[in-house]
Amino acid sequence: MGYALYQAQLGLKAASAKPLRGFGGAGVLEVVANYQTDTYRAVYTVKFSNFIFVLHAFQKKSRKGITTPKPNIDLVKKRLRAAQEDHEARRAAKELSK
């Protein structure tokens, strides 16, 4: 999982990364890793130039299906909004310093 995030920092897409459903395209990606009998997921965005934001990382607990649980999706949406605000603030600060 760490290597997939490192590849994202380099502007690459790991083979294990795939778009997270419900976020319109490939701006929000998910990496799934299995360890022993557990499954872990990390969700990140590459929507902003020069930044990746890891929005959520969690252990998948449900044994039914592959769908990401709604509370996790809601948290990703909330953190994506916060990342957007942070990116805009950084961009505005950079413009003011010119």
Protein backbone atom coordinates (compact mmCIF):
# COMPACT_ATOMS: atom_id res chain seq x y z
CA MET A 1 0.00 0.00 0.00
CA GLY A 2 2.83 2.37 0.84
CA TYR A 3 4.51 1.70 -2.49
CA ALA A 4 1.25 2.47 -4.34
CA LEU A 5 1.07 5.85 -2.57
CA TYR A 6 4.72 6.49 -3.39
CA GLN A 7 3.98 5.80 -7.05
CA ALA A 8 1.10 8.30 -6.88
CA GLN A 9 3.51 10.92 -5.52
CA LEU A 10 5.68 10.31 -8.58
CA GLY A 11 2.68 10.84 -10.86
CA LEU A 12 2.26 7.14 -11.61
CA LYS A 13 -0.68 4.85 -10.99
CA ALA A 14 -0.06 1.56 -9.21
CA ALA A 15 -1.49 -1.57 -10.76
CA SER A 16 -3.44 -2.11 -7.53
CA ALA A 17 -5.05 1.37 -7.63
CA LYS A 18 -8.52 1.76 -9.08
CA PRO A 19 -11.08 4.59 -9.17
CA LEU A 20 -13.43 4.64 -6.20
CA ARG A 21 -17.03 4.38 -7.37
CA GLY A 22 -19.26 7.38 -6.90
CA PHE A 23 -16.57 10.03 -7.35
CA GLY A 24 -16.78 10.54 -11.09
CA GLY A 25 -13.65 9.33 -12.80
CA ALA A 26 -10.13 8.66 -11.70
CA GLY A 27 -9.62 11.61 -9.35
CA VAL A 28 -10.28 9.54 -6.22
CA LEU A 29 -8.51 6.21 -6.14
CA GLU A 30 -8.51 3.22 -3.86
CA VAL A 31 -5.74 0.75 -3.12
CA VAL A 32 -6.72 -2.61 -1.67
CA ALA A 33 -4.25 -4.84 0.13
CA ASN A 34 -4.74 -8.21 1.74
CA TYR A 35 -2.70 -9.25 4.75
CA GLN A 36 -3.19 -12.66 6.28
CA THR A 37 -6.99 -12.94 6.48
CA ASP A 38 -7.76 -9.21 6.54
CA THR A 39 -8.34 -6.63 3.79
CA TYR A 40 -7.18 -3.04 4.07
CA ARG A 41 -8.02 -0.05 1.89
CA ALA A 42 -6.49 3.37 1.40
CA VAL A 43 -8.36 6.08 -0.47
CA TYR A 44 -6.52 9.05 -1.93
CA THR A 45 -7.01 11.83 -4.44
CA VAL A 46 -4.80 13.15 -7.20
CA LYS A 47 -7.21 15.94 -8.18
CA PHE A 48 -4.82 18.70 -7.13
CA SER A 49 -1.60 19.61 -8.91
CA ASN A 50 1.57 18.75 -7.01
CA PHE A 51 -0.32 17.09 -4.13
CA ILE A 52 -1.86 13.79 -3.24
CA PHE A 53 -4.16 13.69 -0.25
CA VAL A 54 -4.75 10.42 1.57
CA LEU A 55 -8.40 10.74 2.50
CA HIS A 56 -8.96 7.55 4.48
CA ALA A 57 -7.34 4.23 5.34
CA PHE A 58 -9.24 1.43 7.02
CA GLN A 59 -9.65 -2.28 7.54
CA LYS A 60 -12.55 -3.75 5.63
CA LYS A 61 -14.59 -5.59 8.21
CA SER A 62 -17.63 -6.77 6.28
CA ARG A 63 -17.45 -10.27 4.91
CA LYS A 64 -20.30 -9.55 2.49
CA GLY A 65 -19.47 -8.07 -0.88
CA ILE A 66 -16.79 -5.64 -1.96
CA THR A 67 -18.81 -2.44 -1.55
CA THR A 68 -17.24 0.24 0.62
CA PRO A 69 -19.54 0.88 3.61
CA LYS A 70 -21.52 4.15 3.53
CA PRO A 71 -19.92 5.63 6.69
CA ASN A 72 -16.52 5.27 5.03
CA ILE A 73 -17.78 6.87 1.80
CA ASP A 74 -19.28 9.75 3.80
CA LEU A 75 -15.95 10.27 5.58
CA VAL A 76 -14.09 10.27 2.25
CA LYS A 77 -16.50 12.91 0.90
CA LYS A 78 -16.01 15.08 3.97
CA ARG A 79 -12.24 14.81 3.77
CA LEU A 80 -12.27 15.47 0.02
CA ARG A 81 -14.10 18.75 0.69
CA ALA A 82 -11.50 19.61 3.35
CA ALA A 83 -8.68 18.78 0.92
CA GLN A 84 -10.27 21.06 -1.68
CA GLU A 85 -10.44 23.90 0.82
CA ASP A 86 -6.84 23.31 1.90
CA HIS A 87 -5.63 23.28 -1.69
CA GLU A 88 -7.49 26.50 -2.49
CA ALA A 89 -6.04 28.18 0.61
CA ARG A 90 -2.52 27.12 -0.39
CA ARG A 91 -3.04 28.40 -3.92
CA ALA A 92 -4.38 31.74 -2.65
CA ALA A 93 -1.47 32.13 -0.23
CA LYS A 94 0.99 31.41 -3.02
CA GLU A 95 -0.66 34.04 -5.23
CA LEU A 96 -0.48 36.63 -2.44
CA SER A 97 3.23 35.98 -1.89
CA LYS A 98 4.08 36.81 -5.50
